[in-house]
Amino acid sequence: MSLPEKPGFLVSHVPTTEEGARTIWDIESAANNDRNKKNKSSIGSLLWPPHLQTKVEVPTRASDGQDDEIRRMVPMLGESKNTYLLITEQATNKPVAFTWWAHSKGQTKAQWEEGYANRYRPPTMNGALMDATGGVRYLKRANLLGEKDFFQLKEFFVLPEHQRQELGGLLVAYGVHRADELCLPAYTEATPEGLGLYLKYGFREVDRVTVDLEKWGGPNGDLNTFALMYREAKSAE
C-alpha cells in the first residue's frame, strides 16, 4: 500500500535509528503535555512522580533514563508487524506528527495472561496507576479480541500547532485502508477529544475505562478516560 499524500507535507517511514525514536518521543511528549495542560490533567505527573525519578541512579546526565527508553524503542521500529509513519512539514523540514499501527496476532487466554504478567513498566513509573489505567484496558482488550488477528492503532500524536490540519485523519485513514486490505478488524483506544475522528472512520465504542485520579492524588474531578474502539473487518474493494 502506498503512503498517503498531502500538499506541503511529506509522509515517510520512521527511520530505525535512535534519531528516529527520539523524533517520535519528542512529538508524543509535546502533544501529551499540551493535552494535559488544556484539560488540566494530572495524569503525567502522577504516572511519573518526582519522588520515583530521584530514586533512580543517574550515572552521567539527567537524560540517561530517557535515553534508555529511546534505545529500547529502536528495535520496535524495525519489527515487521509494526508500521511507524512520520509526517514532516516540507517548508521547515520539521517532523510534526506520527502514528504507530501494528498487525497484532490473536492470542490464547494463556498468552494474553503471560503478556500481562510480563508487561514492561520502568522503575520511574507509578506501576499501580499504570495497572489501573493501561493495565485494565489491556485486560479488556484481551477479552474483546481473544484469538482474532487485528490491526491496531497503538499511538498517534500531532504537535499542538499542527492540529486541526487534517493530519490525524490522514494517518487514521491509512490504517483503516490497510486493515481492509488485510481483511482485519481495526482497534484503538481513544481519548474523549479523539473520539469523533475514529467514529468518522468507522470505529464504534465498545467499552470505556475511566479512572478517578483524585484517588491517586490528583485534583477533584480529574478523570482519565479512554474509549475502546472497534471497527469490523471489511474486504478490500
Protein backbone atom coordinates (compact mmCIF):
# COMPACT_ATOMS: atom_id res chain seq x y z
CA MET A 1 0.00 0.00 0.00
CA SER A 2 1.39 3.40 -0.99
CA LEU A 3 1.95 6.09 1.63
CA PRO A 4 -0.64 8.86 1.96
CA GLU A 5 -0.01 12.28 0.44
CA LYS A 6 -0.86 15.84 1.47
CA PRO A 7 0.36 19.08 -0.15
CA GLY A 8 3.03 20.77 1.95
CA PHE A 9 3.84 17.64 3.93
CA LEU A 10 5.91 14.52 3.40
CA VAL A 11 4.81 11.15 4.78
CA SER A 12 7.60 8.63 5.36
CA HIS A 13 8.51 5.65 7.50
CA VAL A 14 10.21 6.46 10.79
CA PRO A 15 13.92 5.59 10.50
CA THR A 16 15.03 2.57 12.53
CA THR A 17 17.55 4.64 14.47
CA GLU A 18 17.89 6.39 17.81
CA GLU A 19 17.28 9.65 15.97
CA GLY A 20 14.01 8.28 14.62
CA ALA A 21 12.96 7.08 18.06
CA ARG A 22 13.85 10.42 19.64
CA THR A 23 11.85 12.27 16.99
CA ILE A 24 8.62 10.45 17.79
CA TRP A 25 9.37 10.63 21.54
CA ASP A 26 9.58 14.42 21.27
CA ILE A 27 6.32 14.67 19.29
CA GLU A 28 4.49 12.46 21.79
CA SER A 29 5.84 14.41 24.78
CA ALA A 30 4.83 17.77 23.31
CA ALA A 31 1.35 16.54 22.37
CA ASN A 32 0.74 14.93 25.76
CA ASN A 33 1.97 17.97 27.68
CA ASP A 34 -0.32 20.24 25.67
CA ARG A 35 -3.33 17.96 26.16
CA ASN A 36 -2.76 17.64 29.90
CA LYS A 37 -2.35 21.40 30.20
CA LYS A 38 -5.55 22.13 28.25
CA ASN A 39 -7.51 19.54 30.21
CA LYS A 40 -5.80 20.46 33.48
CA SER A 41 -5.00 16.77 33.88
CA SER A 42 -2.50 15.48 36.42
CA ILE A 43 -2.02 12.08 34.75
CA GLY A 44 1.52 12.82 33.57
CA SER A 45 2.87 13.85 36.95
CA LEU A 46 1.00 11.03 38.68
CA LEU A 47 2.32 8.35 36.30
CA TRP A 48 5.86 9.73 36.51
CA PRO A 49 6.05 11.11 40.09
CA PRO A 50 9.12 13.18 41.03
CA HIS A 51 9.93 11.04 44.08
CA LEU A 52 10.44 7.98 41.85
CA GLN A 53 12.65 9.91 39.45
CA THR A 54 15.02 10.86 42.27
CA LYS A 55 15.43 7.24 43.39
CA VAL A 56 16.94 6.17 40.08
CA GLU A 57 20.71 6.34 39.90
CA VAL A 58 21.83 8.56 37.04
CA PRO A 59 25.47 7.79 36.22
CA THR A 60 26.22 10.57 33.75
CA ARG A 61 23.42 13.03 33.00
CA ALA A 62 19.78 13.64 33.79
CA SER A 63 18.56 12.43 30.39
CA ASP A 64 20.02 8.92 30.73
CA GLY A 65 16.68 7.40 31.80
CA GLN A 66 15.03 8.90 28.74
CA ASP A 67 17.91 7.72 26.58
CA ASP A 68 17.38 4.17 27.82
CA GLU A 69 13.72 4.34 26.82
CA ILE A 70 14.63 5.67 23.38
CA ARG A 71 17.19 2.92 22.82
CA ARG A 72 14.56 0.36 23.82
CA MET A 73 12.26 1.73 21.10
CA VAL A 74 14.70 1.30 18.21
CA PRO A 75 14.22 -2.47 17.66
CA MET A 76 10.44 -1.94 17.73
CA LEU A 77 10.73 0.47 14.80
CA GLY A 78 12.14 -2.35 12.68
CA GLU A 79 9.71 -5.14 13.63
CA SER A 80 7.81 -6.40 10.60
CA LYS A 81 4.47 -6.27 12.43
CA ASN A 82 4.86 -2.53 13.09
CA THR A 83 4.25 0.39 10.75
CA TYR A 84 5.54 3.74 12.00
CA LEU A 85 4.73 6.72 9.79
CA LEU A 86 6.12 10.23 10.20
CA ILE A 87 4.71 13.46 8.76
CA THR A 88 7.22 16.23 8.07
CA GLU A 89 6.34 19.81 7.16
CA GLN A 90 8.24 20.38 3.93
CA ALA A 91 8.72 24.15 4.30
CA THR A 92 10.54 23.80 7.62
CA ASN A 93 11.66 20.14 7.41
CA LYS A 94 10.10 19.78 10.85
CA PRO A 95 8.55 16.45 11.97
CA VAL A 96 5.05 17.29 13.15
CA ALA A 97 3.10 14.02 13.56
CA PHE A 98 3.49 10.27 13.69
CA THR A 99 1.47 7.11 14.01
CA TRP A 100 2.15 3.52 15.01
CA TRP A 101 -0.03 0.79 13.56
CA ALA A 102 0.61 -2.86 14.42
CA HIS A 103 -0.55 -6.10 12.81
CA SER A 104 -1.34 -7.90 16.06
CA LYS A 105 -1.84 -11.64 16.20
CA GLY A 106 -4.66 -13.24 18.12
CA GLN A 107 -3.66 -14.96 21.33
CA THR A 108 -4.99 -17.65 23.59
CA LYS A 109 -6.14 -16.67 27.06
CA ALA A 110 -2.88 -18.05 28.47
CA GLN A 111 -0.82 -15.94 26.04
CA TRP A 112 -2.73 -12.77 26.95
CA GLU A 113 -2.18 -13.55 30.63
CA GLU A 114 1.53 -14.13 30.04
CA GLY A 115 1.81 -10.81 28.24
CA TYR A 116 0.15 -9.06 31.17
CA ALA A 117 2.40 -10.79 33.69
CA ASN A 118 5.50 -9.73 31.73
CA ARG A 119 4.33 -6.18 30.93
CA TYR A 120 7.04 -3.56 30.83
CA ARG A 121 6.98 -0.87 33.49
CA PRO A 122 10.09 1.25 34.06
CA PRO A 123 11.15 1.89 37.68
CA THR A 124 10.38 5.60 37.34
CA MET A 125 6.68 4.90 36.62
CA ASN A 126 3.84 4.57 39.13
CA GLY A 127 3.13 0.94 38.29
CA ALA A 128 -0.06 0.71 40.32
CA LEU A 129 -1.64 3.63 38.47
CA MET A 130 -0.49 2.20 35.15
CA ASP A 131 -2.25 -1.05 36.06
CA ALA A 132 -5.45 0.85 36.88
CA THR A 133 -5.40 2.67 33.53
CA GLY A 134 -3.45 0.93 30.76
CA GLY A 135 -3.48 -2.42 32.56
CA VAL A 136 -7.27 -2.53 32.77
CA ARG A 137 -7.51 -1.59 29.11
CA TYR A 138 -5.12 -4.45 28.25
CA LEU A 139 -7.35 -6.95 30.06
CA LYS A 140 -10.47 -5.63 28.36
CA ARG A 141 -8.68 -5.79 25.00
CA ALA A 142 -7.79 -9.42 25.69
CA ASN A 143 -11.42 -10.23 26.42
CA LEU A 144 -12.70 -8.39 23.34
CA LEU A 145 -10.22 -9.63 20.74
CA GLY A 146 -9.14 -13.00 22.07
CA GLU A 147 -7.71 -15.14 19.27
CA LYS A 148 -8.62 -12.72 16.44
CA ASP A 149 -5.87 -11.12 14.39
CA PHE A 150 -6.38 -7.35 14.24
CA PHE A 151 -4.79 -4.11 13.01
CA GLN A 152 -4.20 -1.83 15.97
CA LEU A 153 -3.57 1.88 16.14
CA LYS A 154 -1.23 1.92 19.12
CA GLU A 155 -0.01 5.52 19.05
CA PHE A 156 -0.96 8.67 17.17
CA PHE A 157 0.27 12.17 18.01
CA VAL A 158 0.29 15.56 16.29
CA LEU A 159 2.21 18.60 17.52
CA PRO A 160 -0.20 21.15 19.07
CA GLU A 161 0.50 23.86 16.48
CA HIS A 162 -0.27 21.44 13.63
CA GLN A 163 -3.55 20.05 14.92
CA ARG A 164 -6.78 20.78 13.02
CA GLN A 165 -4.92 20.43 9.72
CA GLU A 166 -6.36 17.01 8.77
CA LEU A 167 -3.06 15.28 9.53
CA GLY A 168 -4.72 12.97 12.03
CA GLY A 169 -7.32 11.91 9.52
CA LEU A 170 -4.58 11.17 7.02
CA LEU A 171 -2.90 8.74 9.41
CA VAL A 172 -6.09 7.09 10.61
CA ALA A 173 -7.34 6.65 7.04
CA TYR A 174 -4.09 4.92 6.10
CA GLY A 175 -4.53 2.38 8.87
CA VAL A 176 -8.15 1.52 8.21
CA HIS A 177 -7.45 1.12 4.49
CA ARG A 178 -4.55 -1.17 5.33
CA ALA A 179 -6.81 -3.14 7.68
CA ASP A 180 -9.29 -3.52 4.82
CA GLU A 181 -6.52 -4.78 2.53
CA LEU A 182 -5.66 -7.40 5.16
CA CYS A 183 -9.37 -8.14 5.84
CA LEU A 184 -8.75 -7.49 9.52
CA PRO A 185 -10.74 -5.64 12.17
CA ALA A 186 -9.15 -2.43 13.43
CA TYR A 187 -8.82 -1.46 17.06
CA THR A 188 -7.69 1.57 19.04
CA GLU A 189 -8.25 3.37 22.34
CA ALA A 190 -9.43 6.98 22.19
CA THR A 191 -9.41 9.97 24.47
CA PRO A 192 -12.66 11.96 24.56
CA GLU A 193 -11.03 14.56 22.29
CA GLY A 194 -10.22 11.98 19.63
CA LEU A 195 -13.47 10.06 19.74
CA GLY A 196 -15.14 11.91 16.88
CA LEU A 197 -12.25 11.26 14.50
CA TYR A 198 -12.42 7.50 14.99
CA LEU A 199 -16.19 7.44 14.65
CA LYS A 200 -15.77 9.23 11.32
CA TYR A 201 -13.61 6.36 10.06
CA GLY A 202 -16.00 3.58 11.03
CA PHE A 203 -14.94 2.71 14.57
CA ARG A 204 -17.54 2.23 17.26
CA GLU A 205 -17.13 2.46 21.01
CA VAL A 206 -17.44 -0.97 22.61
CA ASP A 207 -16.23 -0.23 26.14
CA ARG A 208 -14.68 2.52 28.25
CA VAL A 209 -12.20 2.75 31.11
CA THR A 210 -12.46 5.78 33.41
CA VAL A 211 -10.20 6.30 36.42
CA ASP A 212 -10.84 8.97 39.06
CA LEU A 213 -7.38 10.46 39.53
CA GLU A 214 -8.39 12.14 42.78
CA LYS A 215 -7.93 8.73 44.42
CA TRP A 216 -4.31 8.80 43.19
CA GLY A 217 -3.50 12.29 44.43
CA GLY A 218 -4.97 14.33 41.58
CA PRO A 219 -7.42 17.23 41.93
CA ASN A 220 -11.14 16.74 42.38
CA GLY A 221 -12.90 15.92 39.10
CA ASP A 222 -9.76 14.87 37.22
CA LEU A 223 -10.72 11.78 35.23
CA ASN A 224 -8.57 9.67 32.93
CA THR A 225 -10.88 8.28 30.25
CA PHE A 226 -10.25 6.07 27.23
CA ALA A 227 -12.86 4.55 24.93
CA LEU A 228 -12.17 1.13 23.42
CA MET A 229 -12.88 1.49 19.70
CA TYR A 230 -13.51 -1.37 17.28
CA ARG A 231 -14.02 -1.40 13.51
CA GLU A 232 -15.34 -4.52 11.81
CA ALA A 233 -13.21 -6.25 9.20
CA LYS A 234 -14.04 -5.28 5.64
CA SER A 235 -12.94 -6.86 2.40
CA ALA A 236 -10.72 -4.74 0.18
CA GLU A 237 -12.51 -3.40 -2.89
